[in-house]
Amino acid sequence: EINASDEARALYCTLETLQNATEPAASNAAIRDLILDN
């Protein structure tokens, strides 16, 4: 969903999402400028 968005260059997320979001996002080459938020 993030990759298919309007060329997202940054991702903000809360710490409660970090365990779910960090690994798949960090390993996916199509996500740009990832920003994971505490």
Full PDB file with SEQRES, HELIX, SHEET, SSBOND, CRYST1, ORIGX, SCALE, CONECT and MASTER records, all heavy atoms in Angstrom:
SEQRES   1 A   38  GLU ILE ASN ALA SER ASP GLU ALA ARG ALA LEU TYR CYS          
SEQRES   2 A   38  THR LEU GLU THR LEU GLN ASN ALA THR GLU PRO ALA ALA          
SEQRES   3 A   38  SER ASN ALA ALA ILE ARG ASP LEU ILE LEU ASP ASN              
HELIX    1 AA1 LEU A   15  ALA A   26  1                                  12    
CRYST1    1.000    1.000    1.000  90.00  90.00  90.00 P 1           1          
ORIGX1      1.000000  0.000000  0.000000        0.00000                         
ORIGX2      0.000000  1.000000  0.000000        0.00000                         
ORIGX3      0.000000  0.000000  1.000000        0.00000                         
SCALE1      1.000000  0.000000  0.000000        0.00000                         
SCALE2      0.000000  1.000000  0.000000        0.00000                         
SCALE3      0.000000  0.000000  1.000000        0.00000                         
ATOM      1  N   GLU A   1       0.827  -1.207   0.000  1.00  0.00           N  
ATOM      2  CA  GLU A   1       0.000   0.000   0.000  1.00  0.00           C  
ATOM      3  C   GLU A   1       0.863   1.260   0.000  1.00  0.00           C  
ATOM      4  O   GLU A   1       0.575   2.224  -0.722  1.00  0.00           O  
ATOM      5  CB  GLU A   1      -0.922   0.002   1.221  1.00  0.00           C  
ATOM      6  CG  GLU A   1      -1.818   1.234   1.310  1.00  0.00           C  
ATOM      7  CD  GLU A   1      -2.735   1.217   2.521  1.00  0.00           C  
ATOM      8  OE1 GLU A   1      -2.865   0.154   3.161  1.00  0.00           O  
ATOM      9  OE2 GLU A   1      -3.317   2.280   2.824  1.00  0.00           O  
ATOM     10  N   ILE A   2       1.932   1.240   0.804  1.00  0.00           N  
ATOM     11  CA  ILE A   2       2.832   2.394   0.848  1.00  0.00           C  
ATOM     12  C   ILE A   2       3.535   2.558  -0.491  1.00  0.00           C  
ATOM     13  O   ILE A   2       3.629   3.661  -1.035  1.00  0.00           O  
ATOM     14  CB  ILE A   2       3.846   2.242   1.997  1.00  0.00           C  
ATOM     15  CG1 ILE A   2       3.129   2.239   3.345  1.00  0.00           C  
ATOM     16  CG2 ILE A   2       4.895   3.358   1.942  1.00  0.00           C  
ATOM     17  CD1 ILE A   2       3.990   1.815   4.503  1.00  0.00           C  
ATOM     18  N   ASN A   3       4.006   1.438  -1.058  1.00  0.00           N  
ATOM     19  CA  ASN A   3       4.693   1.506  -2.339  1.00  0.00           C  
ATOM     20  C   ASN A   3       3.783   2.016  -3.451  1.00  0.00           C  
ATOM     21  O   ASN A   3       4.231   2.688  -4.381  1.00  0.00           O  
ATOM     22  CB  ASN A   3       5.215   0.122  -2.721  1.00  0.00           C  
ATOM     23  CG  ASN A   3       6.364  -0.326  -1.849  1.00  0.00           C  
ATOM     24  OD1 ASN A   3       7.007   0.487  -1.214  1.00  0.00           O  
ATOM     25  ND2 ASN A   3       6.613  -1.626  -1.816  1.00  0.00           N  
ATOM     26  N   ALA A   4       2.491   1.680  -3.353  1.00  0.00           N  
ATOM     27  CA  ALA A   4       1.541   2.061  -4.394  1.00  0.00           C  
ATOM     28  C   ALA A   4       1.005   3.479  -4.207  1.00  0.00           C  
ATOM     29  O   ALA A   4       0.256   3.975  -5.048  1.00  0.00           O  
ATOM     30  CB  ALA A   4       0.376   1.069  -4.412  1.00  0.00           C  
ATOM     31  N   SER A   5       1.375   4.129  -3.115  1.00  0.00           N  
ATOM     32  CA  SER A   5       0.895   5.482  -2.853  1.00  0.00           C  
ATOM     33  C   SER A   5       1.548   6.452  -3.817  1.00  0.00           C  
ATOM     34  O   SER A   5       2.362   6.074  -4.653  1.00  0.00           O  
ATOM     35  CB  SER A   5       1.178   5.889  -1.405  1.00  0.00           C  
ATOM     36  OG  SER A   5       2.576   5.974  -1.187  1.00  0.00           O  
ATOM     37  N   ASP A   6       1.243   7.707  -3.668  1.00  0.00           N  
ATOM     38  CA  ASP A   6       1.716   8.736  -4.588  1.00  0.00           C  
ATOM     39  C   ASP A   6       3.205   9.009  -4.401  1.00  0.00           C  
ATOM     40  O   ASP A   6       3.629  10.060  -3.921  1.00  0.00           O  
ATOM     41  CB  ASP A   6       0.910  10.025  -4.369  1.00  0.00           C  
ATOM     42  CG  ASP A   6       1.325  11.134  -5.327  1.00  0.00           C  
ATOM     43  OD1 ASP A   6       1.881  10.818  -6.398  1.00  0.00           O  
ATOM     44  OD2 ASP A   6       1.095  12.305  -5.001  1.00  0.00           O  
ATOM     45  N   GLU A   7       4.026   8.007  -4.764  1.00  0.00           N  
ATOM     46  CA  GLU A   7       5.486   8.129  -4.664  1.00  0.00           C  
ATOM     47  C   GLU A   7       5.925   8.621  -3.290  1.00  0.00           C  
ATOM     48  O   GLU A   7       6.693   9.589  -3.174  1.00  0.00           O  
ATOM     49  CB  GLU A   7       6.025   9.059  -5.765  1.00  0.00           C  
ATOM     50  CG  GLU A   7       5.822   8.509  -7.168  1.00  0.00           C  
ATOM     51  CD  GLU A   7       6.481   9.365  -8.232  1.00  0.00           C  
ATOM     52  OE1 GLU A   7       6.978  10.455  -7.893  1.00  0.00           O  
ATOM     53  OE2 GLU A   7       6.502   8.943  -9.390  1.00  0.00           O  
ATOM     54  N   ALA A   8       5.444   7.975  -2.247  1.00  0.00           N  
ATOM     55  CA  ALA A   8       5.798   8.384  -0.884  1.00  0.00           C  
ATOM     56  C   ALA A   8       7.306   8.364  -0.690  1.00  0.00           C  
ATOM     57  O   ALA A   8       7.973   7.379  -0.985  1.00  0.00           O  
ATOM     58  CB  ALA A   8       5.132   7.460   0.130  1.00  0.00           C  
ATOM     59  N   ARG A   9       7.852   9.463  -0.194  1.00  0.00           N  
ATOM     60  CA  ARG A   9       9.281   9.572   0.073  1.00  0.00           C  
ATOM     61  C   ARG A   9       9.585   9.457   1.563  1.00  0.00           C  
ATOM     62  O   ARG A   9      10.735   9.345   1.941  1.00  0.00           O  
ATOM     63  CB  ARG A   9       9.817  10.921  -0.424  1.00  0.00           C  
ATOM     64  CG  ARG A   9       9.731  11.108  -1.923  1.00  0.00           C  
ATOM     65  CD  ARG A   9      10.574  10.063  -2.654  1.00  0.00           C  
ATOM     66  NE  ARG A   9      10.819  10.463  -4.030  1.00  0.00           N  
ATOM     67  CZ  ARG A   9       9.952  10.268  -5.007  1.00  0.00           C  
ATOM     68  NH1 ARG A   9       8.816   9.672  -4.757  1.00  0.00           N  
ATOM     69  NH2 ARG A   9      10.242  10.648  -6.243  1.00  0.00           N  
ATOM     70  N   ALA A  10       8.561   9.544   2.401  1.00  0.00           N  
ATOM     71  CA  ALA A  10       8.793   9.470   3.843  1.00  0.00           C  
ATOM     72  C   ALA A  10       7.640   8.744   4.502  1.00  0.00           C  
ATOM     73  O   ALA A  10       6.501   8.846   4.058  1.00  0.00           O  
ATOM     74  CB  ALA A  10       8.933  10.873   4.436  1.00  0.00           C  
ATOM     75  N   LEU A  11       7.955   7.999   5.536  1.00  0.00           N  
ATOM     76  CA  LEU A  11       6.943   7.269   6.295  1.00  0.00           C  
ATOM     77  C   LEU A  11       7.080   7.619   7.764  1.00  0.00           C  
ATOM     78  O   LEU A  11       8.139   7.433   8.342  1.00  0.00           O  
ATOM     79  CB  LEU A  11       7.116   5.769   6.098  1.00  0.00           C  
ATOM     80  CG  LEU A  11       6.288   4.851   6.990  1.00  0.00           C  
ATOM     81  CD1 LEU A  11       4.807   4.993   6.667  1.00  0.00           C  
ATOM     82  CD2 LEU A  11       6.725   3.409   6.821  1.00  0.00           C  
ATOM     83  N   TYR A  12       6.025   8.149   8.349  1.00  0.00           N  
ATOM     84  CA  TYR A  12       5.999   8.422   9.781  1.00  0.00           C  
ATOM     85  C   TYR A  12       5.125   7.374  10.448  1.00  0.00           C  
ATOM     86  O   TYR A  12       3.989   7.176  10.039  1.00  0.00           O  
ATOM     87  CB  TYR A  12       5.409   9.804  10.044  1.00  0.00           C  
ATOM     88  CG  TYR A  12       6.404  10.932   9.996  1.00  0.00           C  
ATOM     89  CD1 TYR A  12       7.100  11.210   8.832  1.00  0.00           C  
ATOM     90  CD2 TYR A  12       6.666  11.718  11.122  1.00  0.00           C  
ATOM     91  CE1 TYR A  12       8.013  12.245   8.775  1.00  0.00           C  
ATOM     92  CE2 TYR A  12       7.579  12.749  11.066  1.00  0.00           C  
ATOM     93  CZ  TYR A  12       8.248  13.011   9.895  1.00  0.00           C  
ATOM     94  OH  TYR A  12       9.157  14.030   9.842  1.00  0.00           O  
ATOM     95  N   CYS A  13       5.650   6.739  11.494  1.00  0.00           N  
ATOM     96  CA  CYS A  13       4.807   5.793  12.225  1.00  0.00           C  
ATOM     97  C   CYS A  13       5.111   5.837  13.706  1.00  0.00           C  
ATOM     98  O   CYS A  13       6.168   6.296  14.127  1.00  0.00           O  
ATOM     99  CB  CYS A  13       4.959   4.378  11.685  1.00  0.00           C  
ATOM    100  SG  CYS A  13       6.449   3.537  12.165  1.00  0.00           S  
ATOM    101  N   THR A  14       4.179   5.375  14.522  1.00  0.00           N  
ATOM    102  CA  THR A  14       4.331   5.394  15.965  1.00  0.00           C  
ATOM    103  C   THR A  14       5.096   4.169  16.446  1.00  0.00           C  
ATOM    104  O   THR A  14       5.143   3.146  15.764  1.00  0.00           O  
ATOM    105  CB  THR A  14       2.961   5.432  16.657  1.00  0.00           C  
ATOM    106  OG1 THR A  14       2.209   4.313  16.217  1.00  0.00           O  
ATOM    107  CG2 THR A  14       2.231   6.718  16.343  1.00  0.00           C  
ATOM    108  N   LEU A  15       5.674   4.260  17.632  1.00  0.00           N  
ATOM    109  CA  LEU A  15       6.469   3.177  18.188  1.00  0.00           C  
ATOM    110  C   LEU A  15       5.654   1.906  18.324  1.00  0.00           C  
ATOM    111  O   LEU A  15       6.169   0.810  18.164  1.00  0.00           O  
ATOM    112  CB  LEU A  15       7.037   3.589  19.553  1.00  0.00           C  
ATOM    113  CG  LEU A  15       8.020   2.614  20.202  1.00  0.00           C  
ATOM    114  CD1 LEU A  15       9.229   2.428  19.297  1.00  0.00           C  
ATOM    115  CD2 LEU A  15       8.463   3.112  21.561  1.00  0.00           C  
ATOM    116  N   GLU A  16       4.364   2.023  18.591  1.00  0.00           N  
ATOM    117  CA  GLU A  16       3.528   0.832  18.733  1.00  0.00           C  
ATOM    118  C   GLU A  16       3.453   0.051  17.434  1.00  0.00           C  
ATOM    119  O   GLU A  16       3.154  -1.131  17.420  1.00  0.00           O  
ATOM    120  CB  GLU A  16       2.116   1.219  19.178  1.00  0.00           C  
ATOM    121  CG  GLU A  16       1.372   2.062  18.163  1.00  0.00           C  
ATOM    122  CD  GLU A  16       0.219   2.827  18.773  1.00  0.00           C  
ATOM    123  OE1 GLU A  16       0.333   3.319  19.890  1.00  0.00           O  
ATOM    124  OE2 GLU A  16      -0.817   2.903  18.109  1.00  0.00           O  
ATOM    125  N   THR A  17       3.764   0.730  16.307  1.00  0.00           N  
ATOM    126  CA  THR A  17       3.746   0.079  15.011  1.00  0.00           C  
ATOM    127  C   THR A  17       5.126  -0.403  14.619  1.00  0.00           C  
ATOM    128  O   THR A  17       5.284  -1.150  13.666  1.00  0.00           O  
ATOM    129  CB  THR A  17       3.249   1.069  13.931  1.00  0.00           C  
ATOM    130  OG1 THR A  17       2.070   1.695  14.408  1.00  0.00           O  
ATOM    131  CG2 THR A  17       2.944   0.378  12.622  1.00  0.00           C  
ATOM    132  N   LEU A  18       6.145  -0.019  15.382  1.00  0.00           N  
ATOM    133  CA  LEU A  18       7.527  -0.236  14.972  1.00  0.00           C  
ATOM    134  C   LEU A  18       7.846  -1.702  14.739  1.00  0.00           C  
ATOM    135  O   LEU A  18       8.463  -2.062  13.748  1.00  0.00           O  
ATOM    136  CB  LEU A  18       8.473   0.340  16.027  1.00  0.00           C  
ATOM    137  CG  LEU A  18       9.970   0.277  15.692  1.00  0.00           C  
ATOM    138  CD1 LEU A  18      10.241   1.008  14.389  1.00  0.00           C  
ATOM    139  CD2 LEU A  18      10.782   0.848  16.815  1.00  0.00           C  
ATOM    140  N   GLN A  19       7.434  -2.596  15.632  1.00  0.00           N  
ATOM    141  CA  GLN A  19       7.752  -3.997  15.458  1.00  0.00           C  
ATOM    142  C   GLN A  19       7.160  -4.539  14.166  1.00  0.00           C  
ATOM    143  O   GLN A  19       7.758  -5.343  13.480  1.00  0.00           O  
ATOM    144  CB  GLN A  19       7.240  -4.818  16.651  1.00  0.00           C  
ATOM    145  CG  GLN A  19       8.134  -4.705  17.871  1.00  0.00           C  
ATOM    146  CD  GLN A  19       7.752  -5.697  18.943  1.00  0.00           C  
ATOM    147  OE1 GLN A  19       6.575  -5.972  19.144  1.00  0.00           O  
ATOM    148  NE2 GLN A  19       8.725  -6.238  19.615  1.00  0.00           N  
ATOM    149  N   ASN A  20       5.937  -4.108  13.840  1.00  0.00           N  
ATOM    150  CA  ASN A  20       5.316  -4.554  12.605  1.00  0.00           C  
ATOM    151  C   ASN A  20       5.941  -3.909  11.385  1.00  0.00           C  
ATOM    152  O   ASN A  20       6.079  -4.541  10.350  1.00  0.00           O  
ATOM    153  CB  ASN A  20       3.813  -4.226  12.609  1.00  0.00           C  
ATOM    154  CG  ASN A  20       3.014  -5.169  13.463  1.00  0.00           C  
ATOM    155  OD1 ASN A  20       3.511  -6.201  13.876  1.00  0.00           O  
ATOM    156  ND2 ASN A  20       1.783  -4.803  13.737  1.00  0.00           N  
ATOM    157  N   ALA A  21       6.292  -2.619  11.497  1.00  0.00           N  
ATOM    158  CA  ALA A  21       6.652  -1.867  10.300  1.00  0.00           C  
ATOM    159  C   ALA A  21       8.131  -1.903   9.956  1.00  0.00           C  
ATOM    160  O   ALA A  21       8.481  -1.805   8.789  1.00  0.00           O  
ATOM    161  CB  ALA A  21       6.212  -0.416  10.457  1.00  0.00           C  
ATOM    162  N   THR A  22       9.022  -2.027  10.951  1.00  0.00           N  
ATOM    163  CA  THR A  22      10.436  -1.823  10.681  1.00  0.00           C  
ATOM    164  C   THR A  22      11.003  -2.827   9.687  1.00  0.00           C  
ATOM    165  O   THR A  22      11.555  -2.460   8.669  1.00  0.00           O  
ATOM    166  CB  THR A  22      11.256  -1.892  11.982  1.00  0.00           C  
ATOM    167  OG1 THR A  22      10.799  -0.893  12.864  1.00  0.00           O  
ATOM    168  CG2 THR A  22      12.734  -1.666  11.697  1.00  0.00           C  
ATOM    169  N   GLU A  23      10.866  -4.110   9.955  1.00  0.00           N  
ATOM    170  CA  GLU A  23      11.542  -5.088   9.131  1.00  0.00           C  
ATOM    171  C   GLU A  23      11.018  -5.157   7.702  1.00  0.00           C  
ATOM    172  O   GLU A  23      11.789  -5.076   6.766  1.00  0.00           O  
ATOM    173  CB  GLU A  23      11.477  -6.478   9.801  1.00  0.00           C  
ATOM    174  CG  GLU A  23      12.198  -6.520  11.138  1.00  0.00           C  
ATOM    175  CD  GLU A  23      13.660  -6.100  11.036  1.00  0.00           C  
ATOM    176  OE1 GLU A  23      14.265  -6.193   9.951  1.00  0.00           O  
ATOM    177  OE2 GLU A  23      14.210  -5.656  12.043  1.00  0.00           O  
ATOM    178  N   PRO A  24       9.706  -5.318   7.487  1.00  0.00           N  
ATOM    179  CA  PRO A  24       9.267  -5.401   6.095  1.00  0.00           C  
ATOM    180  C   PRO A  24       9.530  -4.125   5.324  1.00  0.00           C  
ATOM    181  O   PRO A  24       9.863  -4.166   4.146  1.00  0.00           O  
ATOM    182  CB  PRO A  24       7.761  -5.680   6.189  1.00  0.00           C  
ATOM    183  CG  PRO A  24       7.377  -5.260   7.545  1.00  0.00           C  
ATOM    184  CD  PRO A  24       8.595  -5.482   8.408  1.00  0.00           C  
ATOM    185  N   ALA A  25       9.385  -2.995   5.974  1.00  0.00           N  
ATOM    186  CA  ALA A  25       9.603  -1.731   5.269  1.00  0.00           C  
ATOM    187  C   ALA A  25      11.077  -1.545   4.947  1.00  0.00           C  
ATOM    188  O   ALA A  25      11.437  -1.144   3.854  1.00  0.00           O  
ATOM    189  CB  ALA A  25       9.093  -0.571   6.107  1.00  0.00           C  
ATOM    190  N   ALA A  26      11.925  -1.845   5.930  1.00  0.00           N  
ATOM    191  CA  ALA A  26      13.350  -1.623   5.740  1.00  0.00           C  
ATOM    192  C   ALA A  26      13.928  -2.580   4.704  1.00  0.00           C  
ATOM    193  O   ALA A  26      14.963  -2.305   4.116  1.00  0.00           O  
ATOM    194  CB  ALA A  26      14.091  -1.792   7.071  1.00  0.00           C  
ATOM    195  N   SER A  27      13.281  -3.718   4.463  1.00  0.00           N  
ATOM    196  CA  SER A  27      13.802  -4.678   3.503  1.00  0.00           C  
ATOM    197  C   SER A  27      13.178  -4.509   2.129  1.00  0.00           C  
ATOM    198  O   SER A  27      13.550  -5.193   1.193  1.00  0.00           O  
ATOM    199  CB  SER A  27      13.523  -6.108   4.005  1.00  0.00           C  
ATOM    200  OG  SER A  27      12.132  -6.335   4.054  1.00  0.00           O  
ATOM    201  N   ASN A  28      12.239  -3.601   1.979  1.00  0.00           N  
ATOM    202  CA  ASN A  28      11.541  -3.425   0.710  1.00  0.00           C  
ATOM    203  C   ASN A  28      12.127  -2.237  -0.036  1.00  0.00           C  
ATOM    204  O   ASN A  28      12.013  -1.103   0.384  1.00  0.00           O  
ATOM    205  CB  ASN A  28      10.042  -3.207   0.945  1.00  0.00           C  
ATOM    206  CG  ASN A  28       9.278  -3.316  -0.353  1.00  0.00           C  
ATOM    207  OD1 ASN A  28       9.446  -2.517  -1.244  1.00  0.00           O  
ATOM    208  ND2 ASN A  28       8.451  -4.332  -0.450  1.00  0.00           N  
ATOM    209  N   ALA A  29      12.747  -2.516  -1.179  1.00  0.00           N  
ATOM    210  CA  ALA A  29      13.501  -1.482  -1.894  1.00  0.00           C  
ATOM    211  C   ALA A  29      12.617  -0.416  -2.514  1.00  0.00           C  
ATOM    212  O   ALA A  29      13.114   0.603  -2.956  1.00  0.00           O  
ATOM    213  CB  ALA A  29      14.345  -2.144  -2.983  1.00  0.00           C  
ATOM    214  N   ALA A  30      11.308  -0.603  -2.567  1.00  0.00           N  
ATOM    215  CA  ALA A  30      10.445   0.369  -3.233  1.00  0.00           C  
ATOM    216  C   ALA A  30      10.015   1.508  -2.318  1.00  0.00           C  
ATOM    217  O   ALA A  30       9.494   2.512  -2.768  1.00  0.00           O  
ATOM    218  CB  ALA A  30       9.209  -0.328  -3.791  1.00  0.00           C  
ATOM    219  N   ILE A  31      10.207   1.359  -1.014  1.00  0.00           N  
ATOM    220  CA  ILE A  31       9.822   2.441  -0.094  1.00  0.00           C  
ATOM    221  C   ILE A  31      10.919   3.491  -0.049  1.00  0.00           C  
ATOM    222  O   ILE A  31      12.084   3.186   0.110  1.00  0.00           O  
ATOM    223  CB  ILE A  31       9.554   1.897   1.317  1.00  0.00           C  
ATOM    224  CG1 ILE A  31       8.282   1.069   1.304  1.00  0.00           C  
ATOM    225  CG2 ILE A  31       9.406   3.033   2.317  1.00  0.00           C  
ATOM    226  CD1 ILE A  31       7.898   0.546   2.655  1.00  0.00           C  
ATOM    227  N   ARG A  32      10.525   4.751  -0.210  1.00  0.00           N  
ATOM    228  CA  ARG A  32      11.485   5.848  -0.258  1.00  0.00           C  
ATOM    229  C   ARG A  32      11.588   6.549   1.083  1.00  0.00           C  
ATOM    230  O   ARG A  32      10.593   6.708   1.778  1.00  0.00           O  
ATOM    231  CB  ARG A  32      11.040   6.914  -1.270  1.00  0.00           C  
ATOM    232  CG  ARG A  32      10.644   6.386  -2.596  1.00  0.00           C  
ATOM    233  CD  ARG A  32      11.816   5.895  -3.392  1.00  0.00           C  
ATOM    234  NE  ARG A  32      11.603   4.550  -3.811  1.00  0.00           N  
ATOM    235  CZ  ARG A  32      12.554   3.674  -3.946  1.00  0.00           C  
ATOM    236  NH1 ARG A  32      13.760   3.961  -3.687  1.00  0.00           N  
ATOM    237  NH2 ARG A  32      12.299   2.474  -4.337  1.00  0.00           N  
ATOM    238  N   ASP A  33      12.760   7.042   1.394  1.00  0.00           N  
ATOM    239  CA  ASP A  33      12.970   7.970   2.514  1.00  0.00           C  
ATOM    240  C   ASP A  33      12.170   7.585   3.748  1.00  0.00           C  
ATOM    241  O   ASP A  33      11.413   8.390   4.288  1.00  0.00           O  
ATOM    242  CB  ASP A  33      12.582   9.402   2.106  1.00  0.00           C  
ATOM    243  CG  ASP A  33      13.249   9.799   0.813  1.00  0.00           C  
ATOM    244  OD1 ASP A  33      14.328   9.262   0.529  1.00  0.00           O  
ATOM    245  OD2 ASP A  33      12.687  10.623   0.097  1.00  0.00           O  
ATOM    246  N   LEU A  34      12.322   6.386   4.206  1.00  0.00           N  
ATOM    247  CA  LEU A  34      11.502   5.875   5.303  1.00  0.00           C  
ATOM    248  C   LEU A  34      11.801   6.601   6.604  1.00  0.00           C  
ATOM    249  O   LEU A  34      12.948   6.740   6.989  1.00  0.00           O  
ATOM    250  CB  LEU A  34      11.757   4.381   5.469  1.00  0.00           C  
ATOM    251  CG  LEU A  34      10.951   3.661   6.521  1.00  0.00           C  
ATOM    252  CD1 LEU A  34       9.480   3.674   6.138  1.00  0.00           C  
ATOM    253  CD2 LEU A  34      11.440   2.236   6.655  1.00  0.00           C  
ATOM    254  N   ILE A  35      10.756   7.082   7.252  1.00  0.00           N  
ATOM    255  CA  ILE A  35      10.912   7.696   8.567  1.00  0.00           C  
ATOM    256  C   ILE A  35      10.007   6.978   9.543  1.00  0.00           C  
ATOM    257  O   ILE A  35       8.805   7.083   9.459  1.00  0.00           O  
ATOM    258  CB  ILE A  35      10.552   9.191   8.571  1.00  0.00           C  
ATOM    259  CG1 ILE A  35      11.423   9.933   7.550  1.00  0.00           C  
ATOM    260  CG2 ILE A  35      10.756   9.792   9.952  1.00  0.00           C  
ATOM    261  CD1 ILE A  35      11.162  11.404   7.523  1.00  0.00           C  
ATOM    262  N   LEU A  36      10.590   6.247  10.471  1.00  0.00           N  
ATOM    263  CA  LEU A  36       9.812   5.547  11.479  1.00  0.00           C  
ATOM    264  C   LEU A  36       9.801   6.367  12.752  1.00  0.00           C  
ATOM    265  O   LEU A  36      10.839   6.732  13.273  1.00  0.00           O  
ATOM    266  CB  LEU A  36      10.427   4.165  11.764  1.00  0.00           C  
ATOM    267  CG  LEU A  36      10.427   3.192  10.583  1.00  0.00           C  
ATOM    268  CD1 LEU A  36      11.141   1.911  10.970  1.00  0.00           C  
ATOM    269  CD2 LEU A  36       9.008   2.916  10.153  1.00  0.00           C  
ATOM    270  N   ASP A  37       8.626   6.657  13.266  1.00  0.00           N  
ATOM    271  CA  ASP A  37       8.485   7.571  14.387  1.00  0.00           C  
ATOM    272  C   ASP A  37       8.244   6.880  15.727  1.00  0.00           C  
ATOM    273  O   ASP A  37       7.478   5.954  15.804  1.00  0.00           O  
ATOM    274  CB  ASP A  37       7.304   8.493  14.137  1.00  0.00           C  
ATOM    275  CG  ASP A  37       7.762   9.854  13.729  1.00  0.00           C  
ATOM    276  OD1 ASP A  37       8.778  10.289  14.272  1.00  0.00           O  
ATOM    277  OD2 ASP A  37       7.114  10.463  12.887  1.00  0.00           O  
ATOM    278  N   ASN A  38       8.859   7.415  16.767  1.00  0.00           N  
ATOM    279  CA  ASN A  38       8.581   6.875  18.084  1.00  0.00           C  
ATOM    280  C   ASN A  38       7.307   7.496  18.655  1.00  0.00           C  
ATOM    281  O   ASN A  38       6.829   8.505  18.180  1.00  0.00           O  
ATOM    282  CB  ASN A  38       9.773   7.086  19.042  1.00  0.00           C  
ATOM    283  CG  ASN A  38      10.061   8.538  19.326  1.00  0.00           C  
ATOM    284  OD1 ASN A  38       9.154   9.295  19.659  1.00  0.00           O  
ATOM    285  ND2 ASN A  38      11.327   8.928  19.216  1.00  0.00           N  
TER     286      ASN A  38                                                      
MASTER        0    0    0    1    0    0    0    6  285    1    0    3          
END                                                                             
